[in-house]
C-alpha atoms as a PDB file:
ATOM      1  CA  GLY A   1     104.414 188.246  45.311  1.00  0.00           C
ATOM      2  CA  LYS A   2     103.416 184.563  44.569  1.00  0.00           C
ATOM      3  CA  LYS A   3     105.423 183.187  47.370  1.00  0.00           C
ATOM      4  CA  SER A   4     103.745 185.395  50.263  1.00  0.00           C
ATOM      5  CA  LYS A   5     100.692 184.056  49.248  1.00  0.00           C
ATOM      6  CA  ILE A   6     101.456 180.335  49.157  1.00  0.00           C
ATOM      7  CA  VAL A   7     103.437 180.478  52.573  1.00  0.00           C
ATOM      8  CA  PRO A   8     100.509 181.839  54.687  1.00  0.00           C
ATOM      9  CA  ALA A   9      98.243 179.377  53.080  1.00  0.00           C
ATOM     10  CA  LYS A  10     100.672 176.434  53.833  1.00  0.00           C
ATOM     11  CA  VAL A  11     100.939 177.557  57.518  1.00  0.00           C
ATOM     12  CA  LYS A  12      97.259 177.768  57.827  1.00  0.00           C
ATOM     13  CA  ILE A  13      96.887 174.292  56.633  1.00  0.00           C
ATOM     14  CA  LEU A  14      99.765 172.907  58.722  1.00  0.00           C
ATOM     15  CA  SER A  15      98.247 174.738  61.768  1.00  0.00           C
ATOM     16  CA  LYS A  16      94.948 172.850  61.308  1.00  0.00           C
ATOM     17  CA  ILE A  17      96.802 169.625  61.092  1.00  0.00           C
ATOM     18  CA  ILE A  18      98.946 170.248  64.072  1.00  0.00           C
ATOM     19  CA  ALA A  19      96.441 171.896  66.249  1.00  0.00           C
ATOM     20  CA  PRO A  20      94.823 169.349  68.664  1.00  0.00           C
ATOM     21  CA  THR A  21      91.155 168.602  68.207  1.00  0.00           C
ATOM     22  CA  THR A  22      88.746 169.262  71.113  1.00  0.00           C
ATOM     23  CA  GLN A  23      88.850 165.603  72.101  1.00  0.00           C
ATOM     24  CA  GLN A  24      92.608 165.721  72.219  1.00  0.00           C
ATOM     25  CA  LYS A  25      92.605 168.993  74.312  1.00  0.00           C
ATOM     26  CA  GLU A  26      90.206 167.187  76.549  1.00  0.00           C
ATOM     27  CA  GLN A  27      92.323 164.327  76.943  1.00  0.00           C
ATOM     28  CA  GLN A  28      95.488 166.489  77.463  1.00  0.00           C
ATOM     29  CA  LYS A  29      93.629 167.943  80.465  1.00  0.00           C
ATOM     30  CA  ILE A  30      92.873 164.480  81.819  1.00  0.00           C
ATOM     31  CA  VAL A  31      96.492 163.535  81.485  1.00  0.00           C
ATOM     32  CA  ALA A  32      97.601 166.693  83.257  1.00  0.00           C
ATOM     33  CA  LYS A  33      94.948 166.287  86.061  1.00  0.00           C
ATOM     34  CA  ARG A  34      96.183 162.797  86.603  1.00  0.00           C
ATOM     35  CA  SER A  35      99.878 163.722  86.382  1.00  0.00           C
ATOM     36  CA  SER A  36      98.978 166.539  89.018  1.00  0.00           C
ATOM     37  CA  TYR A  37      97.275 163.927  91.372  1.00  0.00           C
ATOM     38  CA  THR A  38     100.558 161.589  91.256  1.00  0.00           C
ATOM     39  CA  ARG A  39     102.775 164.766  91.710  1.00  0.00           C
ATOM     40  CA  PHE A  40     100.882 166.083  94.814  1.00  0.00           C
ATOM     41  CA  PHE A  41      99.628 162.663  96.127  1.00  0.00           C
ATOM     42  CA  TYR A  42     102.560 161.919  98.376  1.00  0.00           C
ATOM     43  CA  PRO A  43     103.257 165.297 100.051  1.00  0.00           C
ATOM     44  CA  VAL A  44      99.627 166.301 100.182  1.00  0.00           C
ATOM     45  CA  ILE A  45      97.383 163.265 100.634  1.00  0.00           C
ATOM     46  CA  TRP A  46      99.526 160.402 101.575  1.00  0.00           C
ATOM     47  CA  GLU A  47     101.141 162.184 104.591  1.00  0.00           C
ATOM     48  CA  VAL A  48      97.509 162.623 105.949  1.00  0.00           C
ATOM     49  CA  LEU A  49      96.609 159.059 105.087  1.00  0.00           C
ATOM     50  CA  LYS A  50      99.595 157.752 107.113  1.00  0.00           C
ATOM     51  CA  LYS A  51      98.433 159.759 110.123  1.00  0.00           C
ATOM     52  CA  LEU A  52      94.954 158.093 109.742  1.00  0.00           C
ATOM     53  CA  GLY A  53      96.746 154.609 109.787  1.00  0.00           C
ATOM     54  CA  TRP A  54      97.165 153.750 106.271  1.00  0.00           C
ATOM     55  CA  LYS A  55     100.105 151.722 105.167  1.00  0.00           C
ATOM     56  CA  LEU A  56     102.028 151.504 101.997  1.00  0.00           C
ATOM     57  CA  GLU A  57     103.454 147.835 101.050  1.00  0.00           C
ATOM     58  CA  THR A  58     105.702 146.975  97.984  1.00  0.00           C
ATOM     59  CA  GLY A  59     105.019 144.008  95.825  1.00  0.00           C
ATOM     60  CA  GLY A  60     107.499 141.554  93.999  1.00  0.00           C
ATOM     61  CA  ARG A  61     108.584 144.400  91.591  1.00  0.00           C
ATOM     62  CA  LYS A  62     109.958 147.676  92.823  1.00  0.00           C
ATOM     63  CA  CYS A  63     107.226 149.631  90.971  1.00  0.00           C
ATOM     64  CA  ASP A  64     104.560 147.643  92.804  1.00  0.00           C
ATOM     65  CA  SER A  65     102.886 149.754  95.577  1.00  0.00           C
ATOM     66  CA  TYR A  66      99.771 148.736  97.621  1.00  0.00           C
ATOM     67  CA  PHE A  67      98.042 151.325  99.534  1.00  0.00           C
ATOM     68  CA  LEU A  68      96.157 149.590 102.614  1.00  0.00           C
ATOM     69  CA  PRO A  69      93.665 151.310 104.759  1.00  0.00           C
ATOM     70  CA  PRO A  70      93.872 150.642 108.606  1.00  0.00           C
ATOM     71  CA  GLY A  71      93.000 147.169 109.348  1.00  0.00           C
ATOM     72  CA  VAL A  72      93.404 145.728 105.724  1.00  0.00           C
ATOM     73  CA  LEU A  73      95.977 143.393 104.885  1.00  0.00           C
ATOM     74  CA  LYS A  74      97.273 142.201 101.581  1.00  0.00           C
ATOM     75  CA  ALA A  75      96.322 138.655 102.229  1.00  0.00           C
ATOM     76  CA  LYS A  76      93.463 136.208 101.863  1.00  0.00           C
ATOM     77  CA  GLY A  77      90.106 137.531 102.432  1.00  0.00           C
ATOM     78  CA  PHE A  78      91.142 140.987 101.189  1.00  0.00           C
ATOM     79  CA  LYS A  79      90.831 142.173  97.307  1.00  0.00           C
ATOM     80  CA  CYS A  80      92.858 144.435  95.544  1.00  0.00           C
ATOM     81  CA  ARG A  81      90.938 147.459  94.098  1.00  0.00           C
ATOM     82  CA  VAL A  82      88.239 146.731  96.531  1.00  0.00           C
ATOM     83  CA  ASP A  83      89.750 146.599  99.998  1.00  0.00           C
ATOM     84  CA  TYR A  84      93.271 148.030  99.111  1.00  0.00           C
ATOM     85  CA  PHE A  85      94.567 149.711  96.025  1.00  0.00           C
ATOM     86  CA  ASP A  86      97.469 149.312  93.592  1.00  0.00           C
ATOM     87  CA  SER A  87      97.355 152.876  92.259  1.00  0.00           C
ATOM     88  CA  VAL A  88      97.182 156.618  93.270  1.00  0.00           C
ATOM     89  CA  LEU A  89      94.087 157.255  91.164  1.00  0.00           C
ATOM     90  CA  GLN A  90      92.437 154.356  92.866  1.00  0.00           C
ATOM     91  CA  VAL A  91      93.162 155.540  96.256  1.00  0.00           C
ATOM     92  CA  ILE A  92      91.635 159.068  95.075  1.00  0.00           C
ATOM     93  CA  ARG A  93      88.565 157.474  93.834  1.00  0.00           C
ATOM     94  CA  ALA A  94      88.015 155.593  97.071  1.00  0.00           C
ATOM     95  CA  LEU A  95      88.701 158.559  99.044  1.00  0.00           C
ATOM     96  CA  ARG A  96      86.073 160.487  97.081  1.00  0.00           C
ATOM     97  CA  SER A  97      83.411 157.651  97.107  1.00  0.00           C
ATOM     98  CA  ASP A  98      83.876 155.472 100.093  1.00  0.00           C
ATOM     99  CA  GLU A  99      81.666 156.705 103.053  1.00  0.00           C
ATOM    100  CA  ARG A 100      84.483 155.803 105.463  1.00  0.00           C
ATOM    101  CA  TRP A 101      86.510 158.303 104.109  1.00  0.00           C
ATOM    102  CA  LYS A 102      84.804 161.128 102.071  1.00  0.00           C
ATOM    103  CA  LYS A 103      83.345 162.927 104.705  1.00  0.00           C
ATOM    104  CA  LYS A 104      86.446 162.950 107.104  1.00  0.00           C
ATOM    105  CA  SER A 105      87.593 166.467 107.758  1.00  0.00           C
ATOM    106  CA  GLU A 106      91.082 165.510 107.018  1.00  0.00           C
ATOM    107  CA  ILE A 107      90.286 164.058 103.601  1.00  0.00           C
ATOM    108  CA  ILE A 108      88.078 167.091 102.529  1.00  0.00           C
ATOM    109  CA  GLU A 109      91.080 169.404 103.500  1.00  0.00           C
ATOM    110  CA  CYS A 110      93.242 167.280 101.552  1.00  0.00           C
ATOM    111  CA  PHE A 111      91.414 167.660  98.322  1.00  0.00           C
ATOM    112  CA  ARG A 112      90.788 171.360  98.878  1.00  0.00           C
ATOM    113  CA  LEU A 113      94.716 171.625  99.202  1.00  0.00           C
ATOM    114  CA  LEU A 114      95.169 169.292  96.075  1.00  0.00           C
ATOM    115  CA  LYS A 115      92.708 171.549  94.182  1.00  0.00           C
ATOM    116  CA  LYS A 116      94.745 174.675  94.980  1.00  0.00           C
ATOM    117  CA  CYS A 117      98.042 172.748  93.854  1.00  0.00           C
ATOM    118  CA  GLN A 118      96.299 171.912  90.486  1.00  0.00           C
ATOM    119  CA  GLU A 119      95.023 175.606  89.986  1.00  0.00           C
ATOM    120  CA  CYS A 120      98.676 176.793  90.631  1.00  0.00           C
ATOM    121  CA  LEU A 121      99.910 174.527  87.746  1.00  0.00           C
ATOM    122  CA  GLU A 122      97.177 175.837  85.520  1.00  0.00           C
ATOM    123  CA  TYR A 123      98.234 179.357  85.900  1.00  0.00           C
ATOM    124  CA  LYS A 124     101.963 178.480  85.211  1.00  0.00           C
END
């Protein structure tokens, strides 16, 4: 009798310790969304950006990637994270906020497709 009462109490305490807090759950959602951006960026968004004239350059290390809009060079006079970007998330932010890109039908369609891809992941 005594063990059956203690075990559920311990499980309840452990579940409170192990269970993620609301803040942790929100952070997990953000991380999942970022990883889905990265996961779907190249097949969904990058293919369209290439057709619109964007270029991808690599840096000194294999992992260094620079996304350059048309007419932008990784050279003097152009600034990283302003004129060109060194991460997928920066490109996505620029596409959503920059007047030159956010209203283009191709970009709008990319984000619709990206959202559908993310929703598919959520239902897994």
